[in-house]
Amino acid sequence: MIAPGKEAPDFELEDHRGQRVRLADLRGKTVVLWFYPKADTPG
């Protein structure tokens, strides 16, 4: 668990287009992660 206000460790995820995105590439920007089951999405 990360304490509130602490920096998150670097990680990499696939976006909705299948592109790999690293948290380190977004430093200095606001980042919102939204997780939901793929079964509930079209495609």
N, C-alpha and C. Protein backbone atom coordinates (compact mmCIF):
# COMPACT_ATOMS: atom_id res chain seq x y z
N MET A 1 0.84 -1.18 0.00
CA MET A 1 0.00 0.00 0.00
C MET A 1 0.88 1.24 0.00
N ILE A 2 0.51 2.20 -0.80
CA ILE A 2 1.25 3.45 -0.88
C ILE A 2 0.54 4.48 -0.01
N ALA A 3 1.29 5.14 0.82
CA ALA A 3 0.70 6.15 1.71
C ALA A 3 0.25 7.37 0.88
N PRO A 4 -0.86 7.98 1.28
CA PRO A 4 -1.32 9.19 0.59
C PRO A 4 -0.22 10.24 0.53
N GLY A 5 -0.06 10.85 -0.63
CA GLY A 5 0.94 11.89 -0.81
C GLY A 5 2.31 11.37 -1.23
N LYS A 6 2.49 10.04 -1.21
CA LYS A 6 3.77 9.46 -1.61
C LYS A 6 3.76 9.18 -3.11
N GLU A 7 4.94 9.22 -3.71
CA GLU A 7 5.08 8.98 -5.14
C GLU A 7 4.89 7.49 -5.44
N ALA A 8 4.14 7.20 -6.48
CA ALA A 8 3.89 5.81 -6.88
C ALA A 8 5.14 5.25 -7.57
N PRO A 9 5.38 3.95 -7.41
CA PRO A 9 6.49 3.34 -8.13
C PRO A 9 6.18 3.29 -9.62
N ASP A 10 7.21 3.23 -10.45
CA ASP A 10 7.01 3.16 -11.88
C ASP A 10 6.34 1.84 -12.24
N PHE A 11 5.43 1.88 -13.19
CA PHE A 11 4.80 0.67 -13.72
C PHE A 11 4.38 0.92 -15.15
N GLU A 12 4.01 -0.13 -15.84
CA GLU A 12 3.63 -0.06 -17.25
C GLU A 12 2.32 -0.81 -17.44
N LEU A 13 1.40 -0.20 -18.21
CA LEU A 13 0.10 -0.80 -18.50
C LEU A 13 -0.22 -0.62 -19.97
N GLU A 14 -1.20 -1.37 -20.45
CA GLU A 14 -1.70 -1.21 -21.80
C GLU A 14 -2.91 -0.28 -21.77
N ASP A 15 -2.95 0.71 -22.69
CA ASP A 15 -4.11 1.60 -22.74
C ASP A 15 -5.23 0.97 -23.57
N HIS A 16 -6.30 1.70 -23.77
CA HIS A 16 -7.47 1.17 -24.46
C HIS A 16 -7.22 0.89 -25.94
N ARG A 17 -6.09 1.36 -26.46
CA ARG A 17 -5.73 1.11 -27.86
C ARG A 17 -4.68 0.00 -27.98
N GLY A 18 -4.30 -0.58 -26.84
CA GLY A 18 -3.29 -1.64 -26.86
C GLY A 18 -1.86 -1.12 -26.80
N GLN A 19 -1.69 0.20 -26.61
CA GLN A 19 -0.36 0.80 -26.53
C GLN A 19 0.17 0.70 -25.10
N ARG A 20 1.46 0.39 -24.96
CA ARG A 20 2.08 0.33 -23.64
C ARG A 20 2.35 1.76 -23.16
N VAL A 21 2.01 2.05 -21.90
CA VAL A 21 2.21 3.37 -21.30
C VAL A 21 2.93 3.18 -19.97
N ARG A 22 4.01 3.93 -19.78
CA ARG A 22 4.76 3.86 -18.52
C ARG A 22 4.44 5.09 -17.69
N LEU A 23 4.29 4.88 -16.40
CA LEU A 23 4.04 6.00 -15.50
C LEU A 23 5.17 7.03 -15.58
N ALA A 24 6.39 6.57 -15.70
CA ALA A 24 7.54 7.48 -15.78
C ALA A 24 7.42 8.45 -16.96
N ASP A 25 6.77 8.03 -18.03
CA ASP A 25 6.59 8.89 -19.20
C ASP A 25 5.58 10.00 -18.95
N LEU A 26 4.83 9.89 -17.86
CA LEU A 26 3.77 10.87 -17.56
C LEU A 26 4.10 11.73 -16.35
N ARG A 27 5.34 11.67 -15.87
CA ARG A 27 5.74 12.47 -14.70
C ARG A 27 5.42 13.94 -14.94
N GLY A 28 4.87 14.60 -13.92
CA GLY A 28 4.53 16.01 -14.01
C GLY A 28 3.14 16.26 -14.53
N LYS A 29 2.45 15.20 -14.95
CA LYS A 29 1.08 15.33 -15.45
C LYS A 29 0.12 14.68 -14.46
N THR A 30 -1.15 15.07 -14.52
CA THR A 30 -2.16 14.42 -13.70
C THR A 30 -2.51 13.09 -14.35
N VAL A 31 -2.52 12.02 -13.55
CA VAL A 31 -2.80 10.68 -14.06
C VAL A 31 -3.97 10.10 -13.28
N VAL A 32 -4.97 9.61 -14.00
CA VAL A 32 -6.11 8.95 -13.38
C VAL A 32 -6.19 7.54 -13.95
N LEU A 33 -6.23 6.55 -13.08
CA LEU A 33 -6.37 5.15 -13.52
C LEU A 33 -7.80 4.72 -13.27
N TRP A 34 -8.39 4.10 -14.25
CA TRP A 34 -9.77 3.64 -14.14
C TRP A 34 -9.78 2.17 -14.54
N PHE A 35 -10.04 1.30 -13.58
CA PHE A 35 -10.06 -0.14 -13.83
C PHE A 35 -11.49 -0.64 -13.84
N TYR A 36 -11.82 -1.47 -14.81
CA TYR A 36 -13.11 -2.12 -14.85
C TYR A 36 -12.97 -3.39 -15.69
N PRO A 37 -13.85 -4.37 -15.48
CA PRO A 37 -13.73 -5.64 -16.20
C PRO A 37 -13.89 -5.45 -17.72
N LYS A 38 -13.01 -6.07 -18.47
CA LYS A 38 -13.08 -5.98 -19.93
C LYS A 38 -14.40 -6.55 -20.45
N ALA A 39 -14.99 -7.49 -19.73
CA ALA A 39 -16.25 -8.09 -20.16
C ALA A 39 -17.38 -7.06 -20.22
N ASP A 40 -17.25 -5.95 -19.52
CA ASP A 40 -18.28 -4.92 -19.51
C ASP A 40 -18.07 -3.85 -20.57
N THR A 41 -17.10 -4.06 -21.45
CA THR A 41 -16.80 -3.07 -22.47
C THR A 41 -17.03 -3.63 -23.87
N PRO A 42 -17.33 -2.78 -24.82
CA PRO A 42 -17.49 -3.28 -26.18
C PRO A 42 -16.15 -3.74 -26.76
N GLY A 43 -16.18 -4.70 -27.63
CA GLY A 43 -14.95 -5.17 -28.28
C GLY A 43 -14.42 -6.32 -27.57
